[in-house]
Amino acid sequence: MHRTDQSRWQHSHDFSDDSSAAERRTRIVIGITATMMVVEIGAGVAFNSMALLADGWHMSTHVAAFLITALAYYFGRRHARDPRYSFGTGKMGVLGGFASAVVLFVVAFLMASESVHRFFAPVPIHFNQAIAVAVIGLLVNLVCALIFKDAHHHLTTNTPTATAIMDTIITTSTFARLTFTCLPTRSRP
């Protein structure tokens, strides 16, 4: 039987750019964010601060999102030339974004239930210590946003940059909540 050379009809399905720098930066931010997550959750429990606890668990969703992004980078790089992926491996980023959203929803539900519990059974909060941890969290988020600056250039991998920026905004709100909660209230006539 005669076989024809089909190599001239075949082409690469590697549609991705080199993302090794973005992958490396993502791994660095995973370490930084995971460390700060543990600090915020621990401080939230120790200082009875729901704001720190919520921010720490919120950071856990970012650690999960960054891990999914790192996995998508790895999977995309490993299977970039695999002919079984005829349209490339770009869908991994989209699926990772969906998985991150599901995890964020679960954590938001758990934080809402804890907030309702604390509304009916309030606990004293150590504001000064909690504010110090919130400031450190804000600085960590700013550093992570700077690490991601210029690292991601297309839609599916631009998510970590947006995540770092949004986390900075959320940590700022945590700092503001702690600051305004500890301000003395005026006495009413």
C-alpha atoms as a PDB file:
ATOM      1  CA  MET A   1       0.000   0.000   0.000  1.00  0.00           C
ATOM      2  CA  HIS A   2       1.229   3.443  -0.883  1.00  0.00           C
ATOM      3  CA  ARG A   3       1.518   6.169   1.809  1.00  0.00           C
ATOM      4  CA  THR A   4       1.684   9.866   1.035  1.00  0.00           C
ATOM      5  CA  ASP A   5       3.702  12.363   3.011  1.00  0.00           C
ATOM      6  CA  GLN A   6       1.133  14.567   4.762  1.00  0.00           C
ATOM      7  CA  SER A   7       3.584  16.868   6.516  1.00  0.00           C
ATOM      8  CA  ARG A   8       2.962  19.706   4.059  1.00  0.00           C
ATOM      9  CA  TRP A   9      -0.748  19.704   5.042  1.00  0.00           C
ATOM     10  CA  GLN A  10      -0.099  19.798   8.767  1.00  0.00           C
ATOM     11  CA  HIS A  11       0.687  22.826  10.883  1.00  0.00           C
ATOM     12  CA  SER A  12       1.285  23.652  14.532  1.00  0.00           C
ATOM     13  CA  HIS A  13      -1.637  24.305  16.859  1.00  0.00           C
ATOM     14  CA  ASP A  14       0.486  26.217  19.337  1.00  0.00           C
ATOM     15  CA  PHE A  15      -1.371  29.545  19.417  1.00  0.00           C
ATOM     16  CA  SER A  16       0.123  30.779  22.664  1.00  0.00           C
ATOM     17  CA  ASP A  17       2.948  33.220  23.187  1.00  0.00           C
ATOM     18  CA  ASP A  18       5.900  32.480  25.419  1.00  0.00           C
ATOM     19  CA  SER A  19       4.504  33.011  28.898  1.00  0.00           C
ATOM     20  CA  SER A  20       7.460  31.827  30.961  1.00  0.00           C
ATOM     21  CA  ALA A  21       7.925  35.247  32.619  1.00  0.00           C
ATOM     22  CA  ALA A  22       4.242  35.436  33.537  1.00  0.00           C
ATOM     23  CA  GLU A  23       4.347  31.858  34.823  1.00  0.00           C
ATOM     24  CA  ARG A  24       7.385  32.652  36.995  1.00  0.00           C
ATOM     25  CA  ARG A  25       5.722  35.805  38.365  1.00  0.00           C
ATOM     26  CA  THR A  26       2.559  33.865  39.117  1.00  0.00           C
ATOM     27  CA  ARG A  27       4.532  31.349  41.196  1.00  0.00           C
ATOM     28  CA  ILE A  28       6.188  34.189  43.160  1.00  0.00           C
ATOM     29  CA  VAL A  29       2.818  35.796  43.875  1.00  0.00           C
ATOM     30  CA  ILE A  30       1.371  32.432  44.972  1.00  0.00           C
ATOM     31  CA  GLY A  31       4.029  32.225  47.701  1.00  0.00           C
ATOM     32  CA  ILE A  32       3.550  35.827  48.841  1.00  0.00           C
ATOM     33  CA  THR A  33      -0.258  35.639  48.801  1.00  0.00           C
ATOM     34  CA  ALA A  34      -0.387  32.264  50.583  1.00  0.00           C
ATOM     35  CA  THR A  35       1.872  33.579  53.345  1.00  0.00           C
ATOM     36  CA  MET A  36      -0.258  36.695  53.828  1.00  0.00           C
ATOM     37  CA  MET A  37      -3.424  34.587  53.725  1.00  0.00           C
ATOM     38  CA  VAL A  38      -2.193  32.492  56.662  1.00  0.00           C
ATOM     39  CA  VAL A  39      -1.192  35.638  58.579  1.00  0.00           C
ATOM     40  CA  GLU A  40      -4.574  37.323  58.006  1.00  0.00           C
ATOM     41  CA  ILE A  41      -6.639  34.264  58.922  1.00  0.00           C
ATOM     42  CA  GLY A  42      -4.522  33.681  62.033  1.00  0.00           C
ATOM     43  CA  ALA A  43      -4.726  37.356  63.040  1.00  0.00           C
ATOM     44  CA  GLY A  44      -8.463  37.426  62.332  1.00  0.00           C
ATOM     45  CA  VAL A  45      -9.005  34.521  64.720  1.00  0.00           C
ATOM     46  CA  ALA A  46      -6.561  35.856  67.340  1.00  0.00           C
ATOM     47  CA  PHE A  47      -7.903  39.429  67.296  1.00  0.00           C
ATOM     48  CA  ASN A  48     -11.592  38.504  66.715  1.00  0.00           C
ATOM     49  CA  SER A  49     -11.601  40.573  63.529  1.00  0.00           C
ATOM     50  CA  MET A  50     -14.204  39.502  61.002  1.00  0.00           C
ATOM     51  CA  ALA A  51     -12.701  41.969  58.507  1.00  0.00           C
ATOM     52  CA  LEU A  52      -9.276  40.277  58.668  1.00  0.00           C
ATOM     53  CA  LEU A  53     -10.824  36.831  58.665  1.00  0.00           C
ATOM     54  CA  ALA A  54     -12.912  37.655  55.584  1.00  0.00           C
ATOM     55  CA  ASP A  55      -9.924  39.215  53.828  1.00  0.00           C
ATOM     56  CA  GLY A  56      -7.760  36.194  54.665  1.00  0.00           C
ATOM     57  CA  TRP A  57     -10.326  33.743  53.304  1.00  0.00           C
ATOM     58  CA  HIS A  58     -10.809  35.996  50.316  1.00  0.00           C
ATOM     59  CA  MET A  59      -7.044  35.778  49.741  1.00  0.00           C
ATOM     60  CA  SER A  60      -7.381  31.988  49.884  1.00  0.00           C
ATOM     61  CA  THR A  61      -9.598  32.199  46.809  1.00  0.00           C
ATOM     62  CA  HIS A  62      -6.863  34.205  45.106  1.00  0.00           C
ATOM     63  CA  VAL A  63      -4.287  31.591  46.036  1.00  0.00           C
ATOM     64  CA  ALA A  64      -6.594  29.001  44.461  1.00  0.00           C
ATOM     65  CA  ALA A  65      -7.040  31.211  41.388  1.00  0.00           C
ATOM     66  CA  PHE A  66      -3.291  31.739  41.052  1.00  0.00           C
ATOM     67  CA  LEU A  67      -2.695  27.991  41.457  1.00  0.00           C
ATOM     68  CA  ILE A  68      -5.237  27.322  38.709  1.00  0.00           C
ATOM     69  CA  THR A  69      -3.499  29.936  36.532  1.00  0.00           C
ATOM     70  CA  ALA A  70      -0.110  28.307  37.185  1.00  0.00           C
ATOM     71  CA  LEU A  71      -1.618  24.923  36.318  1.00  0.00           C
ATOM     72  CA  ALA A  72      -3.065  26.389  33.104  1.00  0.00           C
ATOM     73  CA  TYR A  73       0.377  27.788  32.185  1.00  0.00           C
ATOM     74  CA  TYR A  74       1.993  24.418  32.885  1.00  0.00           C
ATOM     75  CA  PHE A  75      -0.670  22.467  31.014  1.00  0.00           C
ATOM     76  CA  GLY A  76      -0.586  24.876  28.078  1.00  0.00           C
ATOM     77  CA  ARG A  77       3.199  24.729  27.849  1.00  0.00           C
ATOM     78  CA  ARG A  78       3.328  20.955  28.220  1.00  0.00           C
ATOM     79  CA  HIS A  79       0.653  20.268  25.588  1.00  0.00           C
ATOM     80  CA  ALA A  80       1.327  23.192  23.244  1.00  0.00           C
ATOM     81  CA  ARG A  81       2.426  20.966  20.384  1.00  0.00           C
ATOM     82  CA  ASP A  82       0.082  18.077  21.127  1.00  0.00           C
ATOM     83  CA  PRO A  83      -2.020  17.365  18.001  1.00  0.00           C
ATOM     84  CA  ARG A  84      -4.936  16.176  20.167  1.00  0.00           C
ATOM     85  CA  TYR A  85      -5.615  19.841  21.042  1.00  0.00           C
ATOM     86  CA  SER A  86      -6.532  20.982  17.547  1.00  0.00           C
ATOM     87  CA  PHE A  87      -7.616  24.429  18.752  1.00  0.00           C
ATOM     88  CA  GLY A  88      -4.833  24.868  21.290  1.00  0.00           C
ATOM     89  CA  THR A  89      -4.899  24.785  25.084  1.00  0.00           C
ATOM     90  CA  GLY A  90      -6.331  28.272  25.615  1.00  0.00           C
ATOM     91  CA  LYS A  91      -9.543  26.970  27.165  1.00  0.00           C
ATOM     92  CA  MET A  92      -7.650  26.037  30.321  1.00  0.00           C
ATOM     93  CA  GLY A  93      -7.587  29.696  31.406  1.00  0.00           C
ATOM     94  CA  VAL A  94     -11.338  30.048  30.924  1.00  0.00           C
ATOM     95  CA  LEU A  95     -12.069  26.857  32.861  1.00  0.00           C
ATOM     96  CA  GLY A  96      -9.695  28.048  35.568  1.00  0.00           C
ATOM     97  CA  GLY A  97     -11.583  31.332  35.827  1.00  0.00           C
ATOM     98  CA  PHE A  98     -14.865  29.459  36.227  1.00  0.00           C
ATOM     99  CA  ALA A  99     -13.418  27.194  38.943  1.00  0.00           C
ATOM    100  CA  SER A 100     -12.087  30.266  40.771  1.00  0.00           C
ATOM    101  CA  ALA A 101     -15.529  31.895  40.665  1.00  0.00           C
ATOM    102  CA  VAL A 102     -17.129  28.794  42.201  1.00  0.00           C
ATOM    103  CA  VAL A 103     -14.558  28.748  45.021  1.00  0.00           C
ATOM    104  CA  LEU A 104     -15.099  32.482  45.638  1.00  0.00           C
ATOM    105  CA  PHE A 105     -18.866  31.913  45.891  1.00  0.00           C
ATOM    106  CA  VAL A 106     -18.404  29.152  48.488  1.00  0.00           C
ATOM    107  CA  VAL A 107     -16.065  31.310  50.594  1.00  0.00           C
ATOM    108  CA  ALA A 108     -18.451  34.289  50.338  1.00  0.00           C
ATOM    109  CA  PHE A 109     -21.296  32.091  51.597  1.00  0.00           C
ATOM    110  CA  LEU A 110     -19.200  30.865  54.547  1.00  0.00           C
ATOM    111  CA  MET A 111     -18.154  34.440  55.439  1.00  0.00           C
ATOM    112  CA  ALA A 112     -21.768  35.628  55.254  1.00  0.00           C
ATOM    113  CA  SER A 113     -22.886  32.888  57.635  1.00  0.00           C
ATOM    114  CA  GLU A 114     -20.066  33.743  60.077  1.00  0.00           C
ATOM    115  CA  SER A 115     -21.028  37.429  59.873  1.00  0.00           C
ATOM    116  CA  VAL A 116     -24.648  36.623  60.736  1.00  0.00           C
ATOM    117  CA  HIS A 117     -23.449  34.534  63.676  1.00  0.00           C
ATOM    118  CA  ARG A 118     -21.268  37.400  64.944  1.00  0.00           C
ATOM    119  CA  PHE A 119     -24.121  39.856  64.488  1.00  0.00           C
ATOM    120  CA  PHE A 120     -26.160  37.927  67.051  1.00  0.00           C
ATOM    121  CA  ALA A 121     -23.183  37.009  69.263  1.00  0.00           C
ATOM    122  CA  PRO A 122     -20.662  39.882  68.993  1.00  0.00           C
ATOM    123  CA  VAL A 123     -17.105  39.475  70.231  1.00  0.00           C
ATOM    124  CA  PRO A 124     -14.616  42.189  71.264  1.00  0.00           C
ATOM    125  CA  ILE A 125     -12.149  43.107  68.503  1.00  0.00           C
ATOM    126  CA  HIS A 126      -8.496  44.076  69.058  1.00  0.00           C
ATOM    127  CA  PHE A 127      -8.495  46.955  66.587  1.00  0.00           C
ATOM    128  CA  ASN A 128      -4.906  48.199  66.843  1.00  0.00           C
ATOM    129  CA  GLN A 129      -3.384  44.812  66.098  1.00  0.00           C
ATOM    130  CA  ALA A 130      -5.938  44.097  63.365  1.00  0.00           C
ATOM    131  CA  ILE A 131      -5.243  47.447  61.670  1.00  0.00           C
ATOM    132  CA  ALA A 132      -1.495  46.705  61.647  1.00  0.00           C
ATOM    133  CA  VAL A 133      -2.121  43.378  59.896  1.00  0.00           C
ATOM    134  CA  ALA A 134      -4.488  45.074  57.411  1.00  0.00           C
ATOM    135  CA  VAL A 135      -1.785  47.621  56.524  1.00  0.00           C
ATOM    136  CA  ILE A 136       0.718  44.806  55.926  1.00  0.00           C
ATOM    137  CA  GLY A 137      -1.901  43.065  53.755  1.00  0.00           C
ATOM    138  CA  LEU A 138      -2.369  46.240  51.736  1.00  0.00           C
ATOM    139  CA  LEU A 139       1.385  46.521  51.146  1.00  0.00           C
ATOM    140  CA  VAL A 140       1.554  42.861  50.106  1.00  0.00           C
ATOM    141  CA  ASN A 141      -1.273  43.376  47.601  1.00  0.00           C
ATOM    142  CA  LEU A 142       0.436  46.432  46.140  1.00  0.00           C
ATOM    143  CA  VAL A 143       3.676  44.456  45.749  1.00  0.00           C
ATOM    144  CA  CYS A 144       1.769  41.626  43.998  1.00  0.00           C
ATOM    145  CA  ALA A 145       0.086  44.102  41.641  1.00  0.00           C
ATOM    146  CA  LEU A 146       3.515  45.541  40.779  1.00  0.00           C
ATOM    147  CA  ILE A 147       4.917  42.056  40.172  1.00  0.00           C
ATOM    148  CA  PHE A 148       2.117  41.353  37.688  1.00  0.00           C
ATOM    149  CA  LYS A 149       2.452  44.719  35.970  1.00  0.00           C
ATOM    150  CA  ASP A 150       3.277  44.109  32.279  1.00  0.00           C
ATOM    151  CA  ALA A 151       3.395  40.329  32.808  1.00  0.00           C
ATOM    152  CA  HIS A 152       0.078  39.443  31.179  1.00  0.00           C
ATOM    153  CA  HIS A 153      -1.010  40.605  27.772  1.00  0.00           C
ATOM    154  CA  HIS A 154      -4.137  38.750  26.744  1.00  0.00           C
ATOM    155  CA  LEU A 155      -7.606  38.179  28.130  1.00  0.00           C
ATOM    156  CA  THR A 156      -7.316  34.762  29.762  1.00  0.00           C
ATOM    157  CA  THR A 157      -4.009  35.431  31.490  1.00  0.00           C
ATOM    158  CA  ASN A 158      -4.770  39.047  32.403  1.00  0.00           C
ATOM    159  CA  THR A 159      -6.915  37.738  35.271  1.00  0.00           C
ATOM    160  CA  PRO A 160      -4.049  37.592  37.821  1.00  0.00           C
ATOM    161  CA  THR A 161      -3.280  41.290  37.272  1.00  0.00           C
ATOM    162  CA  ALA A 162      -6.925  42.235  37.779  1.00  0.00           C
ATOM    163  CA  THR A 163      -7.089  39.919  40.791  1.00  0.00           C
ATOM    164  CA  ALA A 164      -4.094  41.597  42.437  1.00  0.00           C
ATOM    165  CA  ILE A 165      -5.532  45.065  41.806  1.00  0.00           C
ATOM    166  CA  MET A 166      -8.974  44.091  43.119  1.00  0.00           C
ATOM    167  CA  ASP A 167      -7.414  42.464  46.171  1.00  0.00           C
ATOM    168  CA  THR A 168      -5.606  45.745  46.883  1.00  0.00           C
ATOM    169  CA  ILE A 169      -8.942  47.565  46.773  1.00  0.00           C
ATOM    170  CA  ILE A 170     -10.584  44.973  49.028  1.00  0.00           C
ATOM    171  CA  THR A 171      -7.752  45.133  51.561  1.00  0.00           C
ATOM    172  CA  THR A 172      -8.057  48.934  51.536  1.00  0.00           C
ATOM    173  CA  SER A 173     -11.732  48.523  52.412  1.00  0.00           C
ATOM    174  CA  THR A 174     -10.760  46.131  55.222  1.00  0.00           C
ATOM    175  CA  PHE A 175      -8.373  48.743  56.581  1.00  0.00           C
ATOM    176  CA  ALA A 176     -11.091  51.402  56.299  1.00  0.00           C
ATOM    177  CA  ARG A 177     -13.675  49.201  58.059  1.00  0.00           C
ATOM    178  CA  LEU A 178     -11.305  48.531  60.933  1.00  0.00           C
ATOM    179  CA  THR A 179     -10.299  52.194  61.199  1.00  0.00           C
ATOM    180  CA  PHE A 180     -13.838  53.580  61.157  1.00  0.00           C
ATOM    181  CA  THR A 181     -15.164  50.903  63.508  1.00  0.00           C
ATOM    182  CA  CYS A 182     -12.622  51.742  66.188  1.00  0.00           C
ATOM    183  CA  LEU A 183     -13.302  55.510  66.061  1.00  0.00           C
ATOM    184  CA  PRO A 184     -15.131  56.734  69.168  1.00  0.00           C
ATOM    185  CA  THR A 185     -18.793  57.409  68.633  1.00  0.00           C
ATOM    186  CA  ARG A 186     -20.418  60.645  69.700  1.00  0.00           C
ATOM    187  CA  SER A 187     -22.648  60.524  72.692  1.00  0.00           C
ATOM    188  CA  ARG A 188     -26.264  61.250  71.916  1.00  0.00           C
ATOM    189  CA  PRO A 189     -28.226  63.850  73.918  1.00  0.00           C
END
